[in-house]
Amino acid sequence: MAIVQFPEGFKWGAATASYQVEGAYQEGGRGLSIWDTFARTPGKVFMGDNGDVACDMYHKYPEDVKLMADMGIQTYRFSIAWPRIIPDGSGAVNQEGLDFYHRLVDELLKYGIEPMVTLYHWDLPQALQDRGGWDNRETIDHFVRYSETVFESLKGKINLWATFNEPWCVSFLSNYLGEHAPGNRDLQLATNVSHHLLVAHGRTVRKFRELGIPGQIGIVPNMEWREPYSTRQEDIDACERQAGWLNEWFIRPVMHGHYPEMLVEWFRGKGVEVPIQAGDMEDISQKIDYLGVNYYTGTVGRYKENEGLFDWEEVDMGWDRTDIGWTYYPQGLYNALMFLKNNYGEIPIYITENGACYNDEPSADGKVHDDRRTRYIKSHLASVSRAIESGVNVKGYYAWSLMDNYEWAFGYSMRFGMTYVDYDTQVRIPKDSFKFYSKVAALNWFKI
């Protein structure tokens, strides 16, 4: 057995998101979000599930922070619900919403757990969606104001800030593929949204600097690795298009100030233009302090004419899959991290989400033996260690997720947590993976 060791000061954490865990959707002055609407639209979410109660963390946060302390994590990543802070997205500030996050943050700090705040994890106020949502450039200004409100309220308590979580999902998954709220299917619309998200990100970073807010700020794209099926140029090109869409579309503008030209031309060939206005790219490329990476899966693919958006098809290699159907490919995380180093240099990186869906239930002994999740975490942590040994500046790792929660369009049917949640009773049961991760956080190493 080999020992996988991590650098001194490496941060061990876990993550959740507001709509997935908080519940209390009509309490504390919270306004409605696009997910409240989407979940109530017939046929959009499995079994019509919604986040009205979710894990009830709004009320149970003291218990849940104690759970984090028992796990021994040093940092916790959570998102703030915009509709709790400004219920209609653009009007009066709701002090009750800010007070809730102060209570949560104070509880974390009491246990010595560092908060990492994500400003946007998909719950756009429905009132703004009614006015065009992210397709309306006014939403950019409203987001900057919302962010400034949160910055000023929580400054001094937060060291790590993130603007957007997985902008690819907010734009293309939600507005081109239609799988998430608001459920549109329009490539031009999705491209508009993708650009406006990045402008909002950049202007928020600028506001953060202007206000002199202490701490660091970054953005959290999701990455998936795409491996060409062969060395044929058409397979390589198809994979570069698909991977560029998933990965570089949101990273290159932030880091280098321009979109991938190959994709710009590809979209143009489909009659789609990026709606760039004067000053946008300067806004987008404001210097960030770190890059977050959410990684779950990777696949092999090849060229196939007229297949999907990029003439690319996935090839089933017979690899293991998690219960949500995603391929198990830890090598892809190493590849993605090396790609970032080779293309964007030494920027600090946090693995802001990584985890697996396995729907294990409590056994006769009342415990949850999720050995497959433990294996998943081990193998992906080994890939992180390899990347660090190869010179990638990875500062920390946030497991997804602290607990089972509302899994968006899958409702409550998919479990990603290291803690089992009985949604009827709200009882929490730490799984075997929880115990493994607790040891890793304490020792800073594990055997593989």
Protein backbone atom coordinates (compact mmCIF):
# COMPACT_ATOMS: atom_id res chain seq x y z
CA MET A 1 0.00 0.00 0.00
CA ALA A 2 1.18 3.49 -0.82
CA ILE A 3 0.71 6.59 1.30
CA VAL A 4 -0.83 9.62 -0.41
CA GLN A 5 0.39 12.71 1.45
CA PHE A 6 -0.87 16.28 1.08
CA PRO A 7 1.02 19.53 1.69
CA GLU A 8 1.00 21.20 5.08
CA GLY A 9 -1.86 23.68 5.28
CA PHE A 10 -3.97 21.88 2.67
CA LYS A 11 -7.63 22.70 3.39
CA TRP A 12 -10.16 19.91 3.82
CA GLY A 13 -13.78 20.89 3.38
CA ALA A 14 -17.27 19.93 2.31
CA ALA A 15 -19.85 21.78 0.26
CA THR A 16 -23.59 22.36 -0.13
CA ALA A 17 -25.81 24.89 -1.95
CA SER A 18 -28.68 27.02 -0.66
CA TYR A 19 -31.65 25.66 -2.62
CA GLN A 20 -30.47 22.09 -2.15
CA VAL A 21 -30.34 22.16 1.65
CA GLU A 22 -31.97 25.20 3.25
CA GLY A 23 -35.71 24.68 2.81
CA ALA A 24 -37.80 27.33 4.58
CA TYR A 25 -38.75 28.66 1.17
CA GLN A 26 -41.42 31.00 2.52
CA GLU A 27 -39.73 31.98 5.78
CA GLY A 28 -37.55 34.87 6.83
CA GLY A 29 -38.77 37.15 4.05
CA ARG A 30 -37.35 35.00 1.25
CA GLY A 31 -38.68 35.66 -2.24
CA LEU A 32 -39.31 33.00 -4.88
CA SER A 33 -36.52 31.75 -7.13
CA ILE A 34 -36.58 30.25 -10.59
CA TRP A 35 -36.16 26.85 -8.97
CA ASP A 36 -39.34 27.27 -6.95
CA THR A 37 -41.10 27.87 -10.25
CA PHE A 38 -39.30 25.19 -12.26
CA ALA A 39 -39.88 22.51 -9.62
CA ARG A 40 -43.60 23.24 -9.77
CA THR A 41 -43.74 22.93 -13.55
CA PRO A 42 -45.14 19.48 -14.40
CA GLY A 43 -42.61 17.10 -15.90
CA LYS A 44 -39.49 19.12 -15.09
CA VAL A 45 -38.36 17.46 -11.84
CA PHE A 46 -38.49 13.79 -10.87
CA MET A 47 -41.67 13.02 -8.94
CA GLY A 48 -42.42 16.75 -8.80
CA ASP A 49 -39.96 17.12 -5.93
CA ASN A 50 -39.08 20.63 -4.76
CA GLY A 51 -36.79 22.38 -2.30
CA ASP A 52 -39.51 23.71 0.00
CA VAL A 53 -38.07 21.75 2.93
CA ALA A 54 -34.98 20.03 1.47
CA CYS A 55 -32.67 19.27 4.44
CA ASP A 56 -34.22 22.04 6.55
CA MET A 57 -30.77 23.50 7.20
CA TYR A 58 -32.37 26.91 7.73
CA HIS A 59 -33.55 25.57 11.08
CA LYS A 60 -31.07 22.75 11.66
CA TYR A 61 -27.83 24.61 10.92
CA PRO A 62 -26.50 24.31 14.52
CA GLU A 63 -26.82 20.53 14.28
CA ASP A 64 -25.26 20.51 10.84
CA VAL A 65 -22.31 22.68 11.84
CA LYS A 66 -21.73 20.33 14.78
CA LEU A 67 -21.74 17.52 12.22
CA MET A 68 -19.00 19.35 10.29
CA ALA A 69 -17.00 19.75 13.48
CA ASP A 70 -17.37 16.02 14.18
CA MET A 71 -16.11 15.34 10.67
CA GLY A 72 -13.09 17.52 11.38
CA ILE A 73 -13.25 19.61 8.23
CA GLN A 74 -11.47 22.96 8.32
CA THR A 75 -13.67 24.78 5.82
CA TYR A 76 -17.24 24.71 4.57
CA ARG A 77 -18.43 25.99 1.20
CA PHE A 78 -22.03 27.15 0.99
CA SER A 79 -24.02 29.49 -1.23
CA ILE A 80 -26.18 32.46 -0.37
CA ALA A 81 -29.72 32.59 -1.73
CA TRP A 82 -30.19 35.87 -3.57
CA PRO A 83 -33.98 35.77 -2.92
CA ARG A 84 -33.27 35.74 0.83
CA ILE A 85 -31.23 38.93 0.60
CA ILE A 86 -33.21 40.89 -2.03
CA PRO A 87 -36.50 39.01 -2.45
CA ASP A 88 -37.41 40.53 -5.82
CA GLY A 89 -33.78 40.73 -6.96
CA SER A 90 -33.64 44.50 -7.32
CA GLY A 91 -35.58 46.21 -4.52
CA ALA A 92 -35.32 46.42 -0.76
CA VAL A 93 -32.75 44.46 1.20
CA ASN A 94 -34.19 41.84 3.56
CA GLN A 95 -32.29 42.05 6.84
CA GLU A 96 -33.76 38.74 8.04
CA GLY A 97 -31.96 37.00 5.20
CA LEU A 98 -28.64 38.58 6.06
CA ASP A 99 -29.19 37.72 9.72
CA PHE A 100 -29.60 34.03 8.88
CA TYR A 101 -26.23 33.91 7.13
CA HIS A 102 -24.60 35.79 10.00
CA ARG A 103 -25.91 33.12 12.38
CA LEU A 104 -24.60 30.36 10.14
CA VAL A 105 -21.19 32.00 9.72
CA ASP A 106 -20.88 32.74 13.43
CA GLU A 107 -21.67 29.11 14.21
CA LEU A 108 -18.97 27.97 11.78
CA LEU A 109 -16.42 30.34 13.26
CA LYS A 110 -17.29 29.14 16.77
CA TYR A 111 -15.99 25.72 15.76
CA GLY A 112 -13.00 27.11 13.87
CA ILE A 113 -14.47 26.20 10.47
CA GLU A 114 -13.61 28.67 7.71
CA PRO A 115 -16.60 29.71 5.58
CA MET A 116 -16.30 29.86 1.80
CA VAL A 117 -19.19 31.81 0.26
CA THR A 118 -20.59 31.34 -3.24
CA LEU A 119 -22.76 34.27 -4.25
CA TYR A 120 -24.74 32.49 -6.97
CA HIS A 121 -25.62 28.82 -7.07
CA TRP A 122 -28.53 28.98 -9.51
CA ASP A 123 -31.40 30.46 -7.48
CA LEU A 124 -32.13 33.62 -9.47
CA PRO A 125 -35.06 35.63 -8.05
CA GLN A 126 -38.13 34.79 -10.10
CA ALA A 127 -39.02 38.48 -10.32
CA LEU A 128 -35.84 39.08 -12.35
CA GLN A 129 -36.54 36.08 -14.59
CA ASP A 130 -39.93 37.63 -15.32
CA ARG A 131 -37.99 40.63 -16.69
CA GLY A 132 -35.75 38.55 -18.93
CA GLY A 133 -33.42 36.93 -16.43
CA TRP A 134 -29.77 36.69 -17.42
CA ASP A 135 -30.66 37.56 -21.01
CA ASN A 136 -31.42 41.08 -19.74
CA ARG A 137 -28.23 43.06 -19.10
CA GLU A 138 -29.98 44.89 -16.26
CA THR A 139 -29.61 41.67 -14.27
CA ILE A 140 -25.84 42.26 -14.29
CA ASP A 141 -26.29 45.49 -12.37
CA HIS A 142 -28.72 43.89 -9.94
CA PHE A 143 -26.25 41.09 -9.27
CA VAL A 144 -23.43 43.53 -8.55
CA ARG A 145 -25.66 45.40 -6.11
CA TYR A 146 -26.70 42.14 -4.41
CA SER A 147 -23.04 41.10 -4.17
CA GLU A 148 -22.06 44.47 -2.71
CA THR A 149 -24.79 44.07 -0.09
CA VAL A 150 -23.40 40.69 0.95
CA PHE A 151 -19.78 41.87 0.84
CA GLU A 152 -20.50 44.83 3.12
CA SER A 153 -22.56 42.75 5.53
CA LEU A 154 -20.19 39.78 5.93
CA LYS A 155 -16.83 41.47 5.39
CA GLY A 156 -14.23 40.44 7.92
CA LYS A 157 -15.93 37.09 8.52
CA ILE A 158 -15.29 35.59 5.08
CA ASN A 159 -11.89 35.04 3.50
CA LEU A 160 -12.89 33.02 0.43
CA TRP A 161 -15.55 34.29 -1.97
CA ALA A 162 -16.81 32.89 -5.27
CA THR A 163 -19.01 34.73 -7.74
CA PHE A 164 -20.70 32.00 -9.80
CA ASN A 165 -21.01 28.26 -9.46
CA GLU A 166 -20.89 26.32 -12.72
CA PRO A 167 -21.84 29.04 -15.21
CA TRP A 168 -22.01 26.38 -17.95
CA CYS A 169 -25.00 24.88 -16.14
CA VAL A 170 -26.60 28.29 -15.60
CA SER A 171 -26.34 29.09 -19.30
CA PHE A 172 -26.15 26.11 -21.62
CA LEU A 173 -27.62 23.31 -19.49
CA SER A 174 -30.49 25.55 -18.42
CA ASN A 175 -31.14 27.65 -21.53
CA TYR A 176 -29.99 25.47 -24.44
CA LEU A 177 -30.45 21.88 -23.24
CA GLY A 178 -33.38 22.93 -21.05
CA GLU A 179 -32.64 20.50 -18.24
CA HIS A 180 -32.48 23.05 -15.41
CA ALA A 181 -34.37 26.21 -14.53
CA PRO A 182 -35.66 28.16 -16.37
CA GLY A 183 -35.77 25.32 -18.92
CA ASN A 184 -35.25 27.10 -22.24
CA ARG A 185 -33.92 25.53 -25.45
CA ASP A 186 -32.29 28.31 -27.44
CA LEU A 187 -28.59 28.38 -28.29
CA GLN A 188 -28.43 32.13 -28.90
CA LEU A 189 -30.22 32.77 -25.62
CA ALA A 190 -27.85 30.44 -23.77
CA THR A 191 -24.84 32.15 -25.34
CA ASN A 192 -26.19 35.55 -24.30
CA VAL A 193 -26.63 34.26 -20.76
CA SER A 194 -23.11 32.82 -20.69
CA HIS A 195 -21.63 36.16 -21.66
CA HIS A 196 -23.75 38.20 -19.25
CA LEU A 197 -22.78 35.87 -16.39
CA LEU A 198 -19.11 36.52 -17.11
CA VAL A 199 -19.64 40.28 -17.31
CA ALA A 200 -21.46 40.11 -13.96
CA HIS A 201 -18.58 38.09 -12.54
CA GLY A 202 -15.97 40.60 -13.69
CA ARG A 203 -17.87 43.64 -12.50
CA THR A 204 -18.39 41.96 -9.14
CA VAL A 205 -14.66 41.29 -8.83
CA ARG A 206 -14.01 44.95 -9.63
CA LYS A 207 -16.55 46.04 -7.00
CA PHE A 208 -14.89 43.71 -4.47
CA ARG A 209 -11.55 45.46 -5.10
CA GLU A 210 -13.07 48.95 -5.04
CA LEU A 211 -14.73 48.29 -1.69
CA GLY A 212 -11.47 46.96 -0.23
CA ILE A 213 -13.16 43.79 0.99
CA PRO A 214 -10.60 41.58 2.77
CA GLY A 215 -10.07 38.09 1.42
CA GLN A 216 -9.85 36.38 -1.95
CA ILE A 217 -12.35 36.09 -4.79
CA GLY A 218 -12.66 33.67 -7.70
CA ILE A 219 -15.11 31.81 -9.91
CA VAL A 220 -16.15 28.14 -9.93
CA PRO A 221 -16.57 26.53 -13.37
CA ASN A 222 -17.39 22.87 -13.77
CA MET A 223 -14.92 20.79 -15.77
CA GLU A 224 -15.26 17.42 -17.49
CA TRP A 225 -12.46 15.67 -19.30
CA ARG A 226 -12.99 14.58 -22.90
CA GLU A 227 -10.56 11.99 -24.28
CA PRO A 228 -10.38 11.41 -28.05
CA TYR A 229 -11.29 7.88 -29.07
CA SER A 230 -8.36 7.76 -31.48
CA THR A 231 -5.49 9.84 -32.80
CA ARG A 232 -7.49 10.66 -35.93
CA GLN A 233 -7.57 14.42 -36.33
CA GLU A 234 -11.35 14.51 -36.68
CA ASP A 235 -11.71 12.75 -33.29
CA ILE A 236 -9.20 15.12 -31.69
CA ASP A 237 -10.93 18.18 -33.14
CA ALA A 238 -14.39 17.01 -32.06
CA CYS A 239 -13.16 16.41 -28.51
CA GLU A 240 -11.48 19.81 -28.43
CA ARG A 241 -14.77 21.45 -29.39
CA GLN A 242 -16.76 19.54 -26.79
CA ALA A 243 -14.17 20.00 -24.05
CA GLY A 244 -13.66 23.65 -24.94
CA TRP A 245 -17.38 24.29 -24.55
CA LEU A 246 -17.46 22.62 -21.14
CA ASN A 247 -14.17 23.99 -19.85
CA GLU A 248 -12.52 26.86 -21.69
CA TRP A 249 -15.60 28.92 -22.59
CA PHE A 250 -15.73 30.22 -19.03
CA ILE A 251 -12.05 30.07 -18.09
CA ARG A 252 -10.20 31.60 -21.03
CA PRO A 253 -12.18 34.89 -21.02
CA VAL A 254 -11.50 35.30 -17.29
CA MET A 255 -7.83 34.38 -17.53
CA HIS A 256 -6.89 35.66 -21.00
CA GLY A 257 -9.60 38.15 -21.95
CA HIS A 258 -11.06 36.38 -25.00
CA TYR A 259 -13.29 33.45 -25.92
CA PRO A 260 -11.87 30.35 -27.64
CA GLU A 261 -11.80 31.45 -31.28
CA MET A 262 -12.51 27.93 -32.54
CA LEU A 263 -15.81 27.93 -30.66
CA VAL A 264 -16.70 31.50 -31.60
CA GLU A 265 -16.36 30.49 -35.27
CA TRP A 266 -18.28 27.26 -34.71
CA PHE A 267 -21.17 29.15 -33.10
CA ARG A 268 -21.06 31.74 -35.88
CA GLY A 269 -21.50 28.92 -38.38
CA LYS A 270 -24.74 28.12 -36.60
CA GLY A 271 -25.90 31.73 -36.74
CA VAL A 272 -25.02 32.46 -33.10
CA GLU A 273 -22.95 35.48 -32.00
CA VAL A 274 -21.53 36.38 -28.61
CA PRO A 275 -23.21 39.70 -27.63
CA ILE A 276 -19.99 41.52 -26.67
CA GLN A 277 -20.30 45.22 -25.94
CA ALA A 278 -17.53 47.77 -25.50
CA GLY A 279 -15.62 47.17 -22.28
CA ASP A 280 -17.08 43.72 -21.64
CA MET A 281 -13.89 41.72 -22.09
CA GLU A 282 -11.96 44.12 -19.87
CA ASP A 283 -14.62 43.62 -17.21
CA ILE A 284 -14.57 39.85 -17.57
CA SER A 285 -10.78 39.55 -17.31
CA GLN A 286 -10.44 41.27 -13.92
CA LYS A 287 -7.71 39.47 -12.00
CA ILE A 288 -9.01 36.73 -9.73
CA ASP A 289 -7.24 35.27 -6.71
CA TYR A 290 -8.03 31.61 -7.31
CA LEU A 291 -9.92 29.28 -9.61
CA GLY A 292 -12.47 26.80 -8.30
CA VAL A 293 -12.87 23.48 -10.08
CA ASN A 294 -15.93 21.23 -9.86
CA TYR A 295 -15.14 17.81 -11.33
CA TYR A 296 -17.26 14.66 -11.39
CA THR A 297 -16.74 12.73 -14.59
CA GLY A 298 -14.95 12.30 -17.88
CA THR A 299 -15.56 10.32 -21.05
CA VAL A 300 -14.11 9.15 -24.34
CA GLY A 301 -15.63 10.56 -27.51
CA ARG A 302 -15.18 10.76 -31.26
CA TYR A 303 -16.33 12.62 -34.34
CA LYS A 304 -19.80 11.88 -35.65
CA GLU A 305 -21.33 14.16 -38.24
CA ASN A 306 -24.44 16.01 -37.10
CA GLU A 307 -24.27 14.51 -33.62
CA GLY A 308 -25.14 17.10 -31.00
CA LEU A 309 -23.82 20.63 -31.14
CA PHE A 310 -20.23 19.76 -32.03
CA ASP A 311 -20.34 16.63 -34.26
CA TRP A 312 -19.18 14.61 -31.24
CA GLU A 313 -20.46 11.40 -29.70
CA GLU A 314 -19.59 9.73 -26.43
CA VAL A 315 -18.22 6.19 -26.70
CA ASP A 316 -19.19 3.84 -23.89
CA MET A 317 -15.91 2.20 -22.85
CA GLY A 318 -17.59 -0.05 -20.30
CA TRP A 319 -16.20 1.95 -17.37
CA ASP A 320 -17.94 1.92 -14.00
CA ARG A 321 -20.68 4.46 -13.56
CA THR A 322 -22.12 6.05 -10.46
CA ASP A 323 -25.82 5.68 -9.71
CA ILE A 324 -26.62 8.91 -11.55
CA GLY A 325 -25.04 7.39 -14.68
CA TRP A 326 -21.80 9.38 -14.79
CA THR A 327 -18.61 7.57 -15.72
CA TYR A 328 -16.01 6.96 -13.03
CA TYR A 329 -12.83 8.54 -14.43
CA PRO A 330 -10.40 9.86 -11.78
CA GLN A 331 -7.64 10.19 -14.39
CA GLY A 332 -9.75 12.96 -15.91
CA LEU A 333 -9.33 15.10 -12.81
CA TYR A 334 -5.54 14.84 -13.05
CA ASN A 335 -5.74 15.65 -16.76
CA ALA A 336 -7.97 18.67 -16.15
CA LEU A 337 -5.66 20.06 -13.46
CA MET A 338 -2.60 19.60 -15.66
CA PHE A 339 -4.45 21.30 -18.50
CA LEU A 340 -5.07 24.31 -16.25
CA LYS A 341 -1.43 24.48 -15.20
CA ASN A 342 -0.13 24.17 -18.76
CA ASN A 343 -2.51 26.80 -20.12
CA TYR A 344 -3.03 29.22 -17.26
CA GLY A 345 0.05 28.94 -15.10
CA GLU A 346 0.37 28.85 -11.34
CA ILE A 347 -3.00 30.26 -10.28
CA PRO A 348 -4.15 28.81 -6.94
CA ILE A 349 -6.86 26.18 -7.39
CA TYR A 350 -9.46 24.77 -5.03
CA ILE A 351 -11.33 21.59 -5.87
CA THR A 352 -14.65 23.16 -4.92
CA GLU A 353 -16.78 20.08 -5.68
CA ASN A 354 -15.95 16.44 -6.20
CA GLY A 355 -18.06 13.49 -5.18
CA ALA A 356 -20.24 10.63 -6.29
CA CYS A 357 -23.88 9.59 -6.34
CA TYR A 358 -24.41 6.20 -4.73
CA ASN A 359 -27.89 5.54 -3.37
CA ASP A 360 -26.96 3.28 -0.46
CA GLU A 361 -29.61 2.99 2.24
CA PRO A 362 -29.12 2.18 5.94
CA SER A 363 -28.35 -1.49 6.55
CA ALA A 364 -29.83 -3.69 9.27
CA ASP A 365 -27.25 -2.28 11.68
CA GLY A 366 -28.60 1.23 11.10
CA LYS A 367 -25.41 2.35 9.36
CA VAL A 368 -24.77 3.30 5.74
CA HIS A 369 -21.91 1.31 4.18
CA ASP A 370 -21.08 3.32 1.08
CA ASP A 371 -17.79 1.66 0.15
CA ARG A 372 -18.13 2.76 -3.49
CA ARG A 373 -18.16 6.43 -2.45
CA THR A 374 -15.08 5.94 -0.30
CA ARG A 375 -13.33 4.32 -3.27
CA TYR A 376 -14.38 7.23 -5.49
CA ILE A 377 -13.05 9.84 -3.07
CA LYS A 378 -9.78 7.94 -2.58
CA SER A 379 -9.08 7.63 -6.28
CA HIS A 380 -9.88 11.25 -7.02
CA LEU A 381 -7.80 12.47 -4.09
CA ALA A 382 -4.93 10.42 -5.47
CA SER A 383 -5.36 12.30 -8.77
CA VAL A 384 -5.24 15.60 -6.86
CA SER A 385 -2.06 14.47 -5.13
CA ARG A 386 -0.50 13.53 -8.47
CA ALA A 387 -1.33 16.97 -9.82
CA ILE A 388 0.20 18.68 -6.78
CA GLU A 389 3.35 16.57 -7.14
CA SER A 390 3.39 17.67 -10.80
CA GLY A 391 3.36 21.34 -9.87
CA VAL A 392 -0.32 22.26 -9.84
CA ASN A 393 -1.06 24.79 -7.11
CA VAL A 394 -4.03 23.05 -5.44
CA LYS A 395 -4.83 24.61 -2.06
CA GLY A 396 -7.78 22.58 -0.86
CA TYR A 397 -10.55 20.07 -1.56
CA TYR A 398 -14.29 20.33 -0.86
CA ALA A 399 -16.15 17.04 -1.00
CA TRP A 400 -19.62 17.10 -2.50
CA SER A 401 -21.52 16.78 -0.42
CA LEU A 402 -21.71 17.16 3.32
CA MET A 403 -25.12 15.51 3.19
CA ASP A 404 -27.68 14.04 0.83
CA ASN A 405 -29.82 16.82 -0.61
CA TYR A 406 -32.15 17.98 -3.37
CA GLU A 407 -30.43 17.01 -6.61
CA TRP A 408 -32.06 19.51 -8.94
CA ALA A 409 -34.03 17.85 -11.78
CA PHE A 410 -33.46 14.45 -10.11
CA GLY A 411 -35.28 15.62 -6.99
CA TYR A 412 -34.51 13.47 -3.97
CA SER A 413 -33.77 10.34 -5.99
CA MET A 414 -29.98 10.78 -6.11
CA ARG A 415 -27.73 10.82 -3.03
CA PHE A 416 -24.32 12.50 -3.09
CA GLY A 417 -23.84 12.96 0.64
CA MET A 418 -21.32 11.63 3.12
CA THR A 419 -24.20 11.97 5.58
CA TYR A 420 -27.45 10.14 4.98
CA VAL A 421 -30.58 12.27 5.30
CA ASP A 422 -33.98 10.73 6.01
CA TYR A 423 -36.14 13.33 4.28
CA ASP A 424 -39.26 12.33 6.25
CA THR A 425 -37.70 12.68 9.71
CA GLN A 426 -34.66 14.89 8.88
CA VAL A 427 -32.48 12.46 10.84
CA ARG A 428 -28.80 12.57 9.76
CA ILE A 429 -26.66 9.41 9.71
CA PRO A 430 -22.92 9.75 9.00
CA LYS A 431 -21.94 7.18 6.36
CA ASP A 432 -18.75 5.13 6.21
CA SER A 433 -17.35 7.67 3.72
CA PHE A 434 -17.87 10.36 6.37
CA LYS A 435 -15.63 8.40 8.73
CA PHE A 436 -12.97 7.87 6.06
CA TYR A 437 -12.96 11.53 5.10
CA SER A 438 -12.76 12.52 8.75
CA LYS A 439 -9.53 10.52 9.10
CA VAL A 440 -8.05 12.10 5.97
CA ALA A 441 -8.86 15.59 7.26
CA ALA A 442 -7.20 14.78 10.58
CA LEU A 443 -4.08 13.09 9.20
CA ASN A 444 -3.58 14.93 5.88
CA TRP A 445 -2.77 11.58 4.27
CA PHE A 446 -4.32 8.19 3.53
CA LYS A 447 -3.26 4.78 2.26
CA ILE A 448 -4.22 3.52 -1.16
